[in-house]
N, C-alpha and C. Protein backbone atom coordinates (compact mmCIF):
# COMPACT_ATOMS: atom_id res chain seq x y z
N UNK A 1 1.11 -1.20 -0.01
CA UNK A 1 -0.33 0.20 -0.27
C UNK A 1 1.00 0.86 -0.24
N UNK A 2 0.18 2.12 -0.24
CA UNK A 2 1.03 3.62 -0.88
C UNK A 2 0.51 4.52 0.51
N UNK A 3 1.71 5.00 1.19
CA UNK A 3 0.74 6.19 2.28
C UNK A 3 1.94 7.19 2.11
N UNK A 4 1.95 8.54 2.69
CA UNK A 4 2.63 9.74 2.26
C UNK A 4 3.13 10.05 3.76
N UNK A 5 4.42 10.01 3.79
CA UNK A 5 5.04 10.40 5.14
C UNK A 5 4.88 11.55 5.29
N UNK A 6 5.29 12.25 7.01
CA UNK A 6 5.27 13.52 7.03
C UNK A 6 5.37 14.41 6.20
N UNK A 7 7.22 13.85 5.88
CA UNK A 7 7.85 15.03 5.03
C UNK A 7 7.60 15.06 3.85
N UNK A 8 6.42 14.03 3.47
CA UNK A 8 6.23 14.28 1.82
C UNK A 8 6.55 12.64 1.32
N UNK A 9 7.49 12.22 1.87
CA UNK A 9 7.83 11.21 0.76
C UNK A 9 6.56 9.99 0.97
N UNK A 10 6.58 9.18 -0.32
CA UNK A 10 5.81 8.59 -0.96
C UNK A 10 6.54 6.77 0.38
N UNK A 11 5.70 6.20 0.72
CA UNK A 11 6.17 5.04 1.50
C UNK A 11 5.46 4.15 0.81
N UNK A 12 5.90 2.53 0.51
CA UNK A 12 4.85 1.64 0.15
C UNK A 12 5.33 0.55 0.62
N UNK A 13 4.15 0.14 1.12
CA UNK A 13 4.63 -1.27 1.72
C UNK A 13 3.72 -2.59 1.36
N UNK A 14 4.88 -3.47 0.66
CA UNK A 14 3.85 -4.50 0.15
C UNK A 14 2.18 -5.13 0.57
N UNK A 15 1.75 -5.13 -0.28
CA UNK A 15 0.51 -5.33 0.30
C UNK A 15 0.36 -7.00 0.91
N UNK A 16 1.12 -8.31 0.35
CA UNK A 16 1.06 -9.32 1.05
C UNK A 16 2.33 -9.47 2.38
N UNK A 17 2.98 -7.98 2.38
CA UNK A 17 4.15 -7.78 3.61
C UNK A 17 2.83 -7.64 4.99
N UNK A 18 2.02 -6.18 4.35
CA UNK A 18 1.34 -5.69 5.26
C UNK A 18 0.21 -6.40 5.61
N UNK A 19 0.05 -7.75 4.93
CA UNK A 19 -1.25 -8.63 5.44
C UNK A 19 -0.15 -9.61 6.31
N UNK A 20 0.72 -9.81 6.02
CA UNK A 20 1.01 -11.32 7.11
C UNK A 20 1.45 -10.25 8.39
N UNK A 21 2.31 -9.28 8.48
CA UNK A 21 2.11 -8.43 9.74
C UNK A 21 1.27 -8.43 10.13
N UNK A 22 0.08 -7.54 9.92
CA UNK A 22 -1.37 -7.71 10.80
C UNK A 22 -1.73 -8.95 11.35
N UNK A 23 -1.74 -10.07 10.42
CA UNK A 23 -1.52 -11.31 10.72
C UNK A 23 -0.74 -11.88 12.30
N UNK A 24 0.49 -11.54 12.20
CA UNK A 24 1.60 -11.92 13.41
C UNK A 24 1.30 -10.77 14.71
N UNK A 25 1.03 -9.97 14.12
CA UNK A 25 0.70 -8.75 15.32
C UNK A 25 -0.52 -9.44 16.06
N UNK A 26 -1.65 -9.70 15.60
CA UNK A 26 -2.86 -9.96 15.87
C UNK A 26 -3.05 -10.85 17.51
N UNK A 27 -1.72 -11.47 17.00
CA UNK A 27 -1.56 -12.56 17.81
C UNK A 27 -1.21 -12.27 19.72
N UNK A 28 -0.30 -11.40 19.62
CA UNK A 28 0.68 -10.77 20.47
C UNK A 28 1.14 -9.93 20.95
N UNK A 29 1.67 -9.12 21.71
CA UNK A 29 3.05 -8.30 21.69
C UNK A 29 3.98 -8.38 20.98
N UNK A 30 4.63 -7.77 19.59
CA UNK A 30 5.61 -8.29 18.68
C UNK A 30 6.84 -7.50 18.50
N UNK A 31 8.15 -8.36 19.10
CA UNK A 31 9.03 -8.21 18.97
C UNK A 31 9.54 -7.57 17.58
N UNK A 32 10.92 -6.97 17.58
CA UNK A 32 11.57 -6.96 15.70
C UNK A 32 11.67 -8.13 15.23
N UNK A 33 12.43 -8.81 15.82
CA UNK A 33 12.60 -10.03 14.87
C UNK A 33 11.44 -10.73 14.35
N UNK A 34 10.41 -10.77 14.29
CA UNK A 34 9.23 -11.34 13.62
C UNK A 34 9.14 -10.95 12.63
N UNK A 35 9.08 -9.10 12.84
CA UNK A 35 9.27 -8.18 11.81
C UNK A 35 10.26 -8.50 11.06
N UNK A 36 11.30 -8.46 10.97
CA UNK A 36 12.41 -8.79 10.32
C UNK A 36 12.31 -10.18 10.01
N UNK A 37 11.71 -11.33 10.36
CA UNK A 37 12.23 -12.14 9.69
C UNK A 37 10.76 -12.93 8.43
N UNK A 38 9.50 -11.86 9.07
CA UNK A 38 8.49 -11.63 8.13
C UNK A 38 8.91 -11.16 6.98
N UNK A 39 9.50 -9.70 7.12
CA UNK A 39 9.86 -9.23 5.77
C UNK A 39 10.57 -10.46 4.76
N UNK A 40 11.86 -10.89 5.51
CA UNK A 40 12.29 -11.80 4.36
C UNK A 40 12.22 -12.82 4.29
N UNK A 41 10.48 -13.67 4.22
CA UNK A 41 10.75 -14.25 3.76
C UNK A 41 9.27 -13.83 2.99
N UNK A 42 8.90 -12.78 3.09
CA UNK A 42 7.65 -12.40 2.15
C UNK A 42 8.49 -11.63 1.15
N UNK A 43 9.67 -10.81 1.48
CA UNK A 43 9.78 -9.29 0.13
C UNK A 43 11.43 -9.56 0.94
N UNK A 44 12.19 -10.39 0.28
CA UNK A 44 13.35 -10.87 0.04
C UNK A 44 14.56 -9.40 -0.39
N UNK A 45 13.84 -9.31 -1.30
CA UNK A 45 14.56 -8.11 -1.65
C UNK A 45 14.29 -6.89 -0.91
N UNK A 46 13.42 -6.90 -0.06
CA UNK A 46 12.53 -4.91 0.75
C UNK A 46 12.97 -5.55 2.09
N UNK A 47 13.74 -6.00 2.46
CA UNK A 47 14.23 -6.43 3.99
C UNK A 47 15.02 -6.25 4.59
N UNK A 48 15.48 -4.97 4.37
CA UNK A 48 16.47 -4.09 5.21
C UNK A 48 16.17 -4.27 6.66
N UNK A 49 17.03 -3.99 7.75
CA UNK A 49 16.52 -3.54 9.36
C UNK A 49 16.11 -2.33 9.15
N UNK A 50 17.04 -1.14 8.09
CA UNK A 50 15.98 -0.04 8.48
C UNK A 50 15.08 -0.18 7.43
N UNK A 51 14.97 -0.79 6.58
CA UNK A 51 13.57 -1.27 5.83
C UNK A 51 12.21 -1.29 6.57
N UNK A 52 12.76 -2.76 7.64
CA UNK A 52 11.99 -3.07 8.76
C UNK A 52 11.02 -1.95 9.35
N UNK A 53 12.01 -1.23 9.87
CA UNK A 53 12.18 -0.35 10.94
C UNK A 53 11.20 1.36 10.12
N UNK A 54 11.12 1.51 9.13
CA UNK A 54 10.21 2.15 8.14
C UNK A 54 8.89 1.33 8.53
N UNK A 55 8.59 0.44 8.06
CA UNK A 55 7.54 -0.20 8.06
C UNK A 55 7.14 -0.36 9.57
N UNK A 56 7.93 -0.33 10.65
CA UNK A 56 7.02 -0.16 12.06
C UNK A 56 6.78 1.06 12.08
N UNK A 57 7.31 2.27 11.44
CA UNK A 57 7.09 3.28 11.56
C UNK A 57 5.55 3.58 10.85
N UNK A 58 5.73 3.26 10.00
CA UNK A 58 4.47 3.13 9.28
C UNK A 58 3.21 2.76 9.94
N UNK A 59 3.31 1.71 10.88
CA UNK A 59 1.98 1.06 11.13
C UNK A 59 1.78 1.93 12.15
N UNK A 60 3.10 2.66 12.94
CA UNK A 60 2.60 3.04 14.28
C UNK A 60 1.80 4.23 13.60
N UNK A 61 2.62 4.81 12.52
CA UNK A 61 1.79 6.47 12.19
C UNK A 61 0.51 6.30 11.47
N UNK A 62 -0.28 4.97 10.94
CA UNK A 62 -1.49 4.99 10.71
C UNK A 62 -2.44 4.05 11.38
N UNK A 63 -1.44 4.12 12.79
CA UNK A 63 -2.57 3.88 13.79
C UNK A 63 -2.97 2.18 13.80
N UNK A 64 -2.18 1.53 12.92
CA UNK A 64 -2.64 -0.27 13.09
C UNK A 64 -1.96 -0.63 14.17
N UNK A 65 -0.91 0.06 15.12
CA UNK A 65 0.08 -0.75 16.14
C UNK A 65 0.10 0.35 16.84
N UNK A 66 0.81 0.32 18.21
CA UNK A 66 1.25 1.03 19.06
C UNK A 66 2.87 -0.06 19.38
N UNK A 67 3.45 1.30 19.83
CA UNK A 67 4.38 0.87 20.40
C UNK A 67 4.77 1.05 21.58
N UNK A 68 5.65 -0.19 22.42
CA UNK A 68 5.51 0.18 23.95
C UNK A 68 7.01 -1.19 24.18
N UNK A 69 6.92 -1.13 25.40
CA UNK A 69 7.97 -2.38 25.67
C UNK A 69 7.90 -2.37 27.15
N UNK A 70 8.79 -3.50 27.53
CA UNK A 70 8.76 -3.83 28.95
C UNK A 70 8.44 -2.49 30.09
N UNK A 71 8.04 -2.88 30.75
CA UNK A 71 7.45 -2.03 32.04
C UNK A 71 8.77 -2.95 33.11
N UNK A 72 9.30 -1.87 33.95
CA UNK A 72 9.91 -3.03 35.47
C UNK A 72 9.17 -2.27 36.17
N UNK A 73 8.06 -1.55 36.39
CA UNK A 73 7.36 -1.39 37.21
C UNK A 73 5.53 -1.98 37.50
N UNK A 74 5.22 -2.20 36.39
CA UNK A 74 3.84 -2.68 36.16
C UNK A 74 3.95 -4.34 35.78
N UNK A 75 5.62 -4.87 35.08
CA UNK A 75 6.08 -5.79 35.29
C UNK A 75 4.81 -6.57 33.97
N UNK A 76 4.83 -5.30 32.47
CA UNK A 76 4.08 -6.13 31.38
C UNK A 76 4.64 -4.99 30.24
N UNK A 77 3.90 -5.73 28.92
CA UNK A 77 3.68 -4.38 27.95
C UNK A 77 3.17 -3.66 28.23
N UNK A 78 3.92 -2.70 27.96
CA UNK A 78 2.91 -0.84 27.79
C UNK A 78 3.29 -0.45 26.87
N UNK A 79 2.23 0.75 26.24
CA UNK A 79 3.02 1.42 24.75
C UNK A 79 3.45 2.77 25.70
N UNK A 80 4.71 2.99 25.12
CA UNK A 80 5.13 4.10 25.64
C UNK A 80 4.25 5.46 24.73
N UNK A 81 4.51 6.40 26.00
CA UNK A 81 4.00 7.66 25.83
C UNK A 81 5.14 8.59 25.41
N UNK A 82 5.25 8.58 24.32
CA UNK A 82 6.84 9.23 23.67
C UNK A 82 6.07 9.61 22.53
N UNK A 83 6.93 10.52 21.67
CA UNK A 83 7.13 10.58 20.12
C UNK A 83 7.08 9.52 19.44
N UNK A 84 6.63 9.71 18.36
CA UNK A 84 6.73 8.83 17.15
C UNK A 84 8.58 8.56 17.10
N UNK A 85 9.18 9.92 16.79
CA UNK A 85 10.67 10.10 16.44
C UNK A 85 11.05 9.37 17.54
N UNK A 86 10.99 9.83 18.69
CA UNK A 86 11.71 9.08 19.89
C UNK A 86 11.32 7.20 19.97
N UNK A 87 10.57 6.75 19.63
CA UNK A 87 10.01 5.73 19.96
C UNK A 87 11.11 5.25 18.85
N UNK A 88 11.03 5.37 17.89
CA UNK A 88 11.88 5.04 16.57
C UNK A 88 13.46 5.14 16.80
N UNK A 89 13.90 6.09 17.28
CA UNK A 89 14.89 6.19 18.34
C UNK A 89 15.52 5.25 19.09
N UNK A 90 14.95 4.51 19.81
CA UNK A 90 15.38 3.58 21.06
C UNK A 90 14.84 2.43 20.14
N UNK A 91 14.20 1.99 19.11
CA UNK A 91 14.26 0.83 18.21
C UNK A 91 15.40 0.96 17.51
N UNK A 92 16.05 2.01 16.76
CA UNK A 92 17.23 1.71 16.46
C UNK A 92 18.38 1.96 17.17
N UNK A 93 18.32 2.65 18.57
CA UNK A 93 19.84 2.83 19.08
C UNK A 93 19.92 2.85 20.63
N UNK A 94 18.98 1.43 20.44
CA UNK A 94 18.20 1.03 22.49
C UNK A 94 17.96 1.80 23.00
N UNK A 95 17.69 1.02 25.10
CA UNK A 95 16.75 1.23 25.28
C UNK A 95 16.68 0.95 26.56
N UNK A 96 16.83 1.60 27.84
CA UNK A 96 16.19 0.34 28.91
C UNK A 96 17.49 -0.35 29.07
N UNK A 97 18.70 -0.49 28.39
CA UNK A 97 19.35 -1.54 28.74
C UNK A 97 19.25 -2.59 27.45
N UNK A 98 18.79 -2.27 27.05
CA UNK A 98 18.27 -2.97 25.16
C UNK A 98 19.20 -2.75 24.28
N UNK A 99 19.68 -3.60 23.40
CA UNK A 99 20.78 -3.02 22.24
C UNK A 99 19.35 -2.72 21.02
N UNK A 100 19.70 -1.86 20.64
CA UNK A 100 18.96 -1.17 19.29
C UNK A 100 18.93 -1.97 18.24
N UNK A 101 18.60 -2.01 16.36
CA UNK A 101 18.81 -2.92 15.81
C UNK A 101 19.81 -2.58 14.82
N UNK A 102 20.29 -0.89 15.05
CA UNK A 102 21.46 -0.72 14.53
C UNK A 102 22.98 -0.95 14.65
N UNK A 103 22.94 -1.61 16.18
CA UNK A 103 23.77 -2.19 16.66
C UNK A 103 24.12 -3.60 17.47
N UNK A 104 22.52 -4.07 16.58
CA UNK A 104 22.48 -6.04 17.33
C UNK A 104 23.49 -6.35 16.16
N UNK A 105 23.83 -8.03 16.65
CA UNK A 105 24.52 -8.55 15.77
C UNK A 105 23.30 -9.04 15.00
N UNK A 106 23.07 -10.38 14.39
CA UNK A 106 22.22 -11.35 13.86
C UNK A 106 21.86 -11.72 14.96
N UNK A 107 22.54 -12.69 15.99
CA UNK A 107 21.79 -13.16 17.16
C UNK A 107 21.15 -12.77 17.88
N UNK A 108 21.83 -11.38 18.26
CA UNK A 108 21.43 -10.33 19.03
C UNK A 108 20.00 -10.45 18.61
N UNK A 109 19.43 -9.79 17.47
CA UNK A 109 17.93 -9.87 16.84
C UNK A 109 17.16 -10.28 17.14
N UNK A 110 18.11 -12.48 17.54
CA UNK A 110 16.63 -12.70 17.90
C UNK A 110 15.93 -12.67 19.46
N UNK A 111 17.00 -12.22 20.05
CA UNK A 111 16.28 -12.11 21.49
C UNK A 111 16.30 -10.65 22.06
N UNK A 112 16.20 -9.63 21.18
CA UNK A 112 16.03 -8.27 21.58
C UNK A 112 14.94 -7.90 22.00
N UNK A 113 14.73 -7.23 23.01
CA UNK A 113 13.86 -6.97 23.64
C UNK A 113 12.72 -5.29 23.99
N UNK A 114 13.92 -5.15 22.80
CA UNK A 114 14.01 -3.52 22.61
C UNK A 114 12.67 -2.61 23.10
N UNK A 115 11.81 -3.27 21.84
CA UNK A 115 10.17 -2.97 21.97
C UNK A 115 9.55 -3.95 21.56
N UNK A 116 7.98 -3.51 21.83
CA UNK A 116 7.44 -4.89 20.92
C UNK A 116 5.95 -3.92 20.23
N UNK A 117 5.37 -4.43 19.24
CA UNK A 117 4.23 -3.63 19.14
C UNK A 117 3.28 -4.50 19.25
N UNK A 118 2.02 -3.75 19.12
CA UNK A 118 0.51 -4.13 19.47
C UNK A 118 -0.27 -4.05 18.82
N UNK A 119 -1.15 -4.31 17.88
CA UNK A 119 -2.32 -4.36 17.14
C UNK A 119 -3.35 -3.33 17.85
N UNK A 120 -3.44 -2.30 17.43
CA UNK A 120 -4.48 -1.30 17.53
C UNK A 120 -5.94 -2.14 17.15
N UNK A 121 -6.89 -1.67 17.34
CA UNK A 121 -8.56 -1.50 16.96
C UNK A 121 -8.50 -1.20 15.37
N UNK A 122 -7.76 -0.23 14.90
CA UNK A 122 -7.85 -0.28 13.49
C UNK A 122 -7.35 -1.27 12.73
N UNK A 123 -6.14 -1.81 13.67
CA UNK A 123 -5.12 -3.24 12.97
C UNK A 123 -6.36 -3.89 12.93
N UNK A 124 -6.59 -4.47 13.88
CA UNK A 124 -8.10 -5.95 13.86
C UNK A 124 -8.77 -5.32 13.02
N UNK A 125 -9.79 -4.43 12.72
CA UNK A 125 -10.60 -3.73 11.74
C UNK A 125 -9.78 -4.59 10.23
N UNK A 126 -8.95 -3.65 10.02
CA UNK A 126 -8.17 -3.91 8.97
C UNK A 126 -8.22 -5.56 8.37
N UNK A 127 -7.50 -6.04 9.21
CA UNK A 127 -7.37 -7.21 9.32
C UNK A 127 -8.50 -8.26 8.76
N UNK A 128 -9.39 -7.85 10.01
CA UNK A 128 -10.89 -8.23 9.95
C UNK A 128 -11.32 -8.70 8.27
N UNK A 129 -10.77 -6.67 7.75
CA UNK A 129 -11.75 -6.95 6.02
C UNK A 129 -10.70 -8.14 5.32
N UNK A 130 -9.28 -7.68 5.82
CA UNK A 130 -8.26 -8.37 4.64
C UNK A 130 -8.08 -10.17 4.87
N UNK A 131 -8.82 -10.33 6.14
CA UNK A 131 -9.22 -12.03 6.32
C UNK A 131 -7.39 -12.64 6.16
N UNK A 132 -8.00 -14.17 6.28
CA UNK A 132 -6.10 -14.81 6.07
C UNK A 132 -5.54 -14.69 5.05
N UNK A 133 -4.02 -14.05 5.27
CA UNK A 133 -3.16 -13.99 4.48
C UNK A 133 -3.21 -15.22 3.68
N UNK A 134 -3.10 -16.23 4.75
CA UNK A 134 -2.70 -17.76 4.24
C UNK A 134 -3.81 -18.14 3.24
N UNK A 135 -4.86 -17.84 3.57
CA UNK A 135 -5.70 -18.18 2.04
C UNK A 135 -5.69 -17.40 1.44
N UNK A 136 -5.10 -16.12 1.19
CA UNK A 136 -5.25 -15.53 0.30
C UNK A 136 -3.99 -15.79 -0.50
N UNK A 137 -2.83 -15.64 -0.27
CA UNK A 137 -1.21 -15.78 -1.04
C UNK A 137 -0.41 -17.21 -0.71
N UNK A 138 -1.29 -17.97 0.12
CA UNK A 138 -0.56 -19.03 0.56
C UNK A 138 0.73 -18.71 1.82
N UNK A 139 1.48 -20.08 1.71
CA UNK A 139 2.35 -20.06 3.38
C UNK A 139 3.71 -19.61 2.68
N UNK A 140 4.21 -18.38 2.88
CA UNK A 140 5.19 -18.15 2.50
C UNK A 140 6.53 -19.09 3.32
N UNK A 141 6.20 -19.65 4.07
CA UNK A 141 6.92 -21.10 4.95
C UNK A 141 6.91 -22.11 4.76
N UNK A 142 6.18 -22.52 3.38
CA UNK A 142 6.17 -23.84 3.37
C UNK A 142 7.11 -24.36 2.71
N UNK A 143 7.15 -26.06 2.70
CA UNK A 143 8.57 -26.57 2.48
C UNK A 143 9.25 -26.62 3.79
N UNK A 144 9.45 -25.79 5.09
CA UNK A 144 9.75 -25.29 6.03
C UNK A 144 9.19 -25.95 6.76
N UNK A 145 9.26 -27.51 7.42
CA UNK A 145 8.84 -28.56 8.76
C UNK A 145 8.70 -27.56 9.58
N UNK A 146 9.30 -26.71 10.18
CA UNK A 146 9.34 -26.14 11.63
C UNK A 146 8.46 -24.76 11.28
N UNK A 147 8.65 -24.53 10.64
CA UNK A 147 7.53 -23.08 10.46
C UNK A 147 6.32 -22.92 9.40
N UNK A 148 6.13 -23.80 8.37
CA UNK A 148 5.00 -23.93 7.77
C UNK A 148 3.76 -24.51 8.59
N UNK A 149 2.91 -23.61 7.71
CA UNK A 149 1.21 -23.30 8.77
C UNK A 149 0.79 -25.13 8.12
N UNK A 150 -0.34 -25.20 9.20
CA UNK A 150 -1.27 -26.38 8.39
C UNK A 150 -2.49 -25.62 7.77
N UNK A 151 -2.89 -26.39 6.78
CA UNK A 151 -3.72 -25.94 6.37
C UNK A 151 -3.71 -26.37 4.52
N UNK A 152 -4.91 -26.03 3.86
CA UNK A 152 -4.63 -26.11 2.44
C UNK A 152 -4.99 -25.35 1.84
N UNK A 153 -3.84 -24.30 1.90
CA UNK A 153 -3.35 -23.21 1.26
C UNK A 153 -3.12 -23.12 -0.13
N UNK A 154 -3.64 -22.05 -1.15
CA UNK A 154 -3.24 -21.76 -2.17
C UNK A 154 -1.52 -21.38 -2.58
N UNK A 155 -0.70 -22.15 -3.58
CA UNK A 155 0.54 -21.81 -3.50
C UNK A 155 1.14 -20.93 -3.65
N UNK A 156 2.92 -21.28 -2.46
CA UNK A 156 3.11 -19.14 -2.36
C UNK A 156 3.59 -19.21 -3.74
N UNK A 157 3.68 -17.78 -4.08
CA UNK A 157 4.56 -17.57 -5.41
C UNK A 157 5.50 -16.46 -4.64
N UNK A 158 6.68 -16.26 -5.16
CA UNK A 158 7.25 -15.34 -4.67
C UNK A 158 7.23 -13.93 -5.30
């Protein structure tokens, strides 16, 4: 989908990627690595860490998800009450003792908890309209016995 950023730039998110990310977000608060893993599988040609961060920012800007982190006070995930630019700075450069994606090794990406995203009602409503991405596009993880979904889906086309 194409959207215009605050600075006037046109941001494009592959429709399949957006759909799968919404589907994954609907499960629970989602950390950075599943955004990366989904992008690498659905749009491998456009899945740099900076690109994934742009997609996270666009999801938040469009109101499809909130950005937050672990609260040591409430011992749960909660939204950050900071401007989006500050949230993106935290995700990129680290926050509260957690490494950001710009300084993370590939191994650290898998376990970093610098942030998590939570789907909003607008995100849920859009996902409800779109339906299951697996039924529409197939399973991008087909053939991977550990990650493939169970079901009779269309053939995934890269």
